[in-house]
Amino acid sequence: MLNFILLQAAAGGAGYSNLIMIGVMVVIFYFFFIRPQQKKQKDQKTFSEGVAKGDQVVTIGGIHGKVLSVEDSTVTLEIDKGAKMKIEKSSISMENSKKLAS
């Protein structure tokens, strides 16, 4: 049996199994690293497009505020008692009102 395995390895039979292993590793890499990252980016884009007036949000920098107005690519937040800040939609990290409700 050992002689058969050694002869097969010498004849190049192991080349196909190496290719199969590399293919399996690429598939595993895709499903565990690339696909979840793409899904996360898609969810973040959907969230930032769905921000509406009155939402309580948190920016990437950790600033909490209430959405006063939404333009094409910018959002105006009320930070504290009339203090307003204009930021990019892409810098909104998460909605805070869901977090407060639970």
Protein backbone atom coordinates (compact mmCIF):
# COMPACT_ATOMS: atom_id res chain seq x y z
CA MET A 1 0.00 0.00 0.00
CA LEU A 2 2.82 2.40 0.90
CA ASN A 3 4.57 1.62 -2.39
CA PHE A 4 1.38 2.46 -4.29
CA ILE A 5 1.10 5.85 -2.53
CA LEU A 6 4.76 6.66 -3.18
CA LEU A 7 4.47 5.70 -6.85
CA GLN A 8 1.36 7.83 -7.24
CA ALA A 9 3.10 10.81 -5.60
CA ALA A 10 6.11 10.39 -7.87
CA ALA A 11 3.88 10.19 -10.95
CA GLY A 12 2.29 13.57 -10.21
CA GLY A 13 -0.98 12.39 -8.69
CA ALA A 14 -0.44 14.66 -5.71
CA GLY A 15 -0.60 17.75 -7.96
CA TYR A 16 -4.35 17.43 -8.35
CA SER A 17 -4.94 17.05 -4.64
CA ASN A 18 -2.87 20.19 -4.00
CA LEU A 19 -4.98 22.11 -6.50
CA ILE A 20 -8.15 20.82 -4.85
CA MET A 21 -6.88 21.89 -1.42
CA ILE A 22 -6.04 25.38 -2.71
CA GLY A 23 -9.50 25.62 -4.27
CA VAL A 24 -11.14 24.60 -1.00
CA MET A 25 -9.07 27.18 0.89
CA VAL A 26 -10.16 29.94 -1.55
CA VAL A 27 -13.82 28.99 -1.09
CA ILE A 28 -13.47 28.98 2.71
CA PHE A 29 -11.67 32.35 2.60
CA TYR A 30 -14.51 33.79 0.50
CA PHE A 31 -17.30 32.58 2.78
CA PHE A 32 -15.61 33.54 6.07
CA PHE A 33 -13.93 36.85 5.14
CA ILE A 34 -15.07 38.46 1.89
CA ARG A 35 -18.80 37.71 1.90
CA PRO A 36 -19.50 38.93 5.48
CA GLN A 37 -17.58 42.15 4.80
CA GLN A 38 -19.61 42.80 1.65
CA LYS A 39 -22.84 42.18 3.58
CA LYS A 40 -21.75 44.59 6.33
CA GLN A 41 -20.96 47.31 3.77
CA LYS A 42 -24.33 46.79 2.07
CA ASP A 43 -26.17 47.00 5.42
CA GLN A 44 -24.29 50.20 6.35
CA LYS A 45 -25.14 51.79 2.99
CA THR A 46 -28.81 50.83 3.34
CA PHE A 47 -28.88 52.27 6.86
CA SER A 48 -27.27 55.57 5.89
CA GLU A 49 -29.68 55.98 2.98
CA GLY A 50 -32.65 55.32 5.28
CA VAL A 51 -31.82 57.97 7.90
CA ALA A 52 -34.85 60.21 8.42
CA LYS A 53 -35.71 63.40 10.27
CA GLY A 54 -36.17 62.80 13.99
CA ASP A 55 -33.90 59.75 14.28
CA GLN A 56 -31.47 59.61 17.20
CA VAL A 57 -28.08 58.64 15.75
CA VAL A 58 -24.45 58.18 16.73
CA THR A 59 -21.63 59.23 14.41
CA ILE A 60 -18.43 57.29 13.81
CA GLY A 61 -16.68 59.79 16.09
CA GLY A 62 -19.11 59.02 18.93
CA ILE A 63 -21.24 62.17 18.73
CA HIS A 64 -24.88 61.61 19.69
CA GLY A 65 -27.56 63.77 18.09
CA LYS A 66 -31.02 64.08 16.60
CA VAL A 67 -31.44 64.38 12.82
CA LEU A 68 -32.95 67.77 11.92
CA SER A 69 -32.70 67.57 8.13
CA VAL A 70 -31.45 65.22 5.45
CA GLU A 71 -29.98 66.37 2.13
CA ASP A 72 -28.44 64.28 -0.68
CA SER A 73 -25.15 63.45 1.01
CA THR A 74 -25.30 65.45 4.24
CA VAL A 75 -27.28 65.39 7.46
CA THR A 76 -27.85 68.20 9.97
CA LEU A 77 -27.76 67.02 13.59
CA GLU A 78 -28.93 68.80 16.71
CA ILE A 79 -26.27 68.07 19.29
CA ASP A 80 -27.36 69.94 22.41
CA LYS A 81 -30.05 72.61 22.94
CA GLY A 82 -29.86 74.25 19.53
CA ALA A 83 -26.26 73.38 18.65
CA LYS A 84 -26.30 72.11 15.07
CA MET A 85 -23.71 70.20 13.13
CA LYS A 86 -23.66 69.31 9.43
CA ILE A 87 -22.04 65.93 8.69
CA GLU A 88 -21.77 63.44 5.83
CA LYS A 89 -24.31 60.60 5.75
CA SER A 90 -21.50 58.07 5.56
CA SER A 91 -20.20 59.17 8.97
CA ILE A 92 -23.34 57.98 10.77
CA SER A 93 -22.54 54.78 12.61
CA MET A 94 -25.82 53.59 14.11
CA GLU A 95 -29.28 54.56 15.20
CA ASN A 96 -29.53 55.27 18.89
CA SER A 97 -33.32 55.22 19.37
CA LYS A 98 -33.49 51.40 19.06
CA LYS A 99 -30.74 51.08 21.66
CA LEU A 100 -32.63 53.33 24.10
CA ALA A 101 -35.95 51.49 23.61
CA SER A 102 -34.57 48.12 24.72
